[in-house]
C-alpha atoms as a PDB file:
ATOM      1  CA  LEU A   1      49.431  42.232 -17.403  1.00  0.00           C
ATOM      2  CA  ASP A   2      51.864  42.763 -20.665  1.00  0.00           C
ATOM      3  CA  LEU A   3      55.273  44.169 -20.643  1.00  0.00           C
ATOM      4  CA  ASP A   4      53.973  47.496 -22.140  1.00  0.00           C
ATOM      5  CA  GLN A   5      51.681  47.877 -19.282  1.00  0.00           C
ATOM      6  CA  LEU A   6      54.274  47.095 -16.691  1.00  0.00           C
ATOM      7  CA  GLU A   7      56.561  49.794 -18.314  1.00  0.00           C
ATOM      8  CA  ALA A   8      53.964  52.261 -18.282  1.00  0.00           C
ATOM      9  CA  LEU A   9      53.783  52.112 -14.466  1.00  0.00           C
ATOM     10  CA  ASP A  10      57.424  52.605 -14.403  1.00  0.00           C
ATOM     11  CA  GLU A  11      57.488  55.915 -16.217  1.00  0.00           C
ATOM     12  CA  PRO A  12      58.136  58.868 -13.977  1.00  0.00           C
ATOM     13  CA  GLU A  13      55.510  61.089 -15.489  1.00  0.00           C
ATOM     14  CA  ASN A  14      52.815  58.446 -14.810  1.00  0.00           C
ATOM     15  CA  VAL A  15      53.221  58.820 -11.031  1.00  0.00           C
ATOM     16  CA  GLU A  16      49.870  60.665 -10.525  1.00  0.00           C
ATOM     17  CA  VAL A  17      47.766  58.394 -12.388  1.00  0.00           C
ATOM     18  CA  LYS A  18      49.087  55.084 -11.102  1.00  0.00           C
ATOM     19  CA  ILE A  19      46.189  54.524  -8.591  1.00  0.00           C
ATOM     20  CA  GLU A  20      43.549  55.221 -11.186  1.00  0.00           C
ATOM     21  CA  LEU A  21      45.154  53.192 -13.764  1.00  0.00           C
ATOM     22  CA  ILE A  22      45.509  50.170 -11.688  1.00  0.00           C
ATOM     23  CA  VAL A  23      41.916  50.569 -10.498  1.00  0.00           C
ATOM     24  CA  HIS A  24      40.651  50.704 -14.268  1.00  0.00           C
ATOM     25  CA  TRP A  25      42.642  47.351 -14.744  1.00  0.00           C
ATOM     26  CA  ILE A  26      41.027  45.871 -12.021  1.00  0.00           C
ATOM     27  CA  GLN A  27      37.459  47.036 -13.032  1.00  0.00           C
ATOM     28  CA  ARG A  28      37.990  45.878 -16.508  1.00  0.00           C
ATOM     29  CA  ILE A  29      39.158  42.464 -15.217  1.00  0.00           C
ATOM     30  CA  VAL A  30      36.302  42.026 -13.111  1.00  0.00           C
ATOM     31  CA  ALA A  31      33.504  43.592 -15.857  1.00  0.00           C
ATOM     32  CA  ASP A  32      35.300  40.841 -18.290  1.00  0.00           C
ATOM     33  CA  ASN A  33      34.850  37.982 -16.007  1.00  0.00           C
ATOM     34  CA  ILE A  34      31.375  39.011 -15.083  1.00  0.00           C
ATOM     35  CA  SER A  35      30.454  38.783 -18.898  1.00  0.00           C
ATOM     36  CA  ALA A  36      32.406  35.431 -19.118  1.00  0.00           C
ATOM     37  CA  GLY A  37      30.696  33.793 -16.075  1.00  0.00           C
ATOM     38  CA  VAL A  38      33.575  33.531 -14.108  1.00  0.00           C
ATOM     39  CA  ILE A  39      32.263  35.835 -11.298  1.00  0.00           C
ATOM     40  CA  THR A  40      28.678  34.451 -10.436  1.00  0.00           C
ATOM     41  CA  ALA A  41      28.066  36.576  -7.271  1.00  0.00           C
ATOM     42  CA  PRO A  42      24.675  38.576  -7.183  1.00  0.00           C
ATOM     43  CA  PRO A  43      24.811  42.074  -8.599  1.00  0.00           C
ATOM     44  CA  PRO A  44      24.660  43.813  -5.217  1.00  0.00           C
ATOM     45  CA  ILE A  45      27.766  42.378  -4.094  1.00  0.00           C
ATOM     46  CA  VAL A  46      29.446  43.102  -7.584  1.00  0.00           C
ATOM     47  CA  SER A  47      28.344  46.570  -7.299  1.00  0.00           C
ATOM     48  CA  ARG A  48      29.929  47.050  -3.646  1.00  0.00           C
ATOM     49  CA  VAL A  49      33.156  45.800  -5.315  1.00  0.00           C
ATOM     50  CA  PHE A  50      33.241  48.976  -7.701  1.00  0.00           C
ATOM     51  CA  ASN A  51      31.997  51.118  -4.805  1.00  0.00           C
ATOM     52  CA  GLU A  52      34.691  50.125  -2.743  1.00  0.00           C
ATOM     53  CA  LEU A  53      37.279  50.461  -5.365  1.00  0.00           C
ATOM     54  CA  SER A  54      35.720  54.121  -6.299  1.00  0.00           C
ATOM     55  CA  ASN A  55      35.972  54.850  -2.219  1.00  0.00           C
ATOM     56  CA  GLY A  56      39.550  53.708  -2.600  1.00  0.00           C
ATOM     57  CA  VAL A  57      40.622  56.156  -5.361  1.00  0.00           C
ATOM     58  CA  ILE A  58      38.877  59.215  -3.642  1.00  0.00           C
ATOM     59  CA  LYS A  59      40.740  58.502  -0.446  1.00  0.00           C
ATOM     60  CA  ALA A  60      44.033  58.229  -2.082  1.00  0.00           C
ATOM     61  CA  GLN A  61      43.417  61.556  -3.831  1.00  0.00           C
ATOM     62  CA  ALA A  62      42.543  62.995  -0.524  1.00  0.00           C
ATOM     63  CA  ALA A  63      46.051  61.776   0.694  1.00  0.00           C
ATOM     64  CA  ARG A  64      47.531  63.061  -2.286  1.00  0.00           C
ATOM     65  CA  LYS A  65      45.934  66.724  -1.662  1.00  0.00           C
ATOM     66  CA  ILE A  66      47.040  66.575   1.886  1.00  0.00           C
ATOM     67  CA  LYS A  67      50.564  65.600   0.770  1.00  0.00           C
ATOM     68  CA  ASP A  68      50.739  68.407  -2.164  1.00  0.00           C
ATOM     69  CA  ILE A  69      48.980  71.454  -0.250  1.00  0.00           C
ATOM     70  CA  GLN A  70      51.721  73.012   1.828  1.00  0.00           C
ATOM     71  CA  LEU A  71      51.122  74.176   5.353  1.00  0.00           C
ATOM     72  CA  PRO A  72      50.988  78.265   5.196  1.00  0.00           C
ATOM     73  CA  PHE A  73      54.256  79.791   6.109  1.00  0.00           C
ATOM     74  CA  HIS A  74      52.941  81.363   9.595  1.00  0.00           C
ATOM     75  CA  TYR A  75      51.529  77.791  10.996  1.00  0.00           C
ATOM     76  CA  ALA A  76      55.130  76.539   9.805  1.00  0.00           C
ATOM     77  CA  GLN A  77      56.950  79.237  11.715  1.00  0.00           C
ATOM     78  CA  MET A  78      54.686  78.811  14.930  1.00  0.00           C
ATOM     79  CA  LEU A  79      55.537  74.962  14.680  1.00  0.00           C
ATOM     80  CA  GLY A  80      59.141  75.615  14.914  1.00  0.00           C
ATOM     81  CA  VAL A  81      58.860  77.658  18.151  1.00  0.00           C
END
């Protein structure tokens, strides 16, 4: 990572895209190393890596939805009782 990429992660407006950006970087590094012959694992194993990365992004987005969607007012009032 160069200095510009690290500064992009520190910017407050990029809070929502940090996970997607980092996963993209990881996928790019893996793909480049497959092309260069550094990663010599069989294709099913390499595809599993990409699959697990995308599953992580999906779960992070689900967690973000839980954080962002507020509990309805009436339920919040009942929890206070």
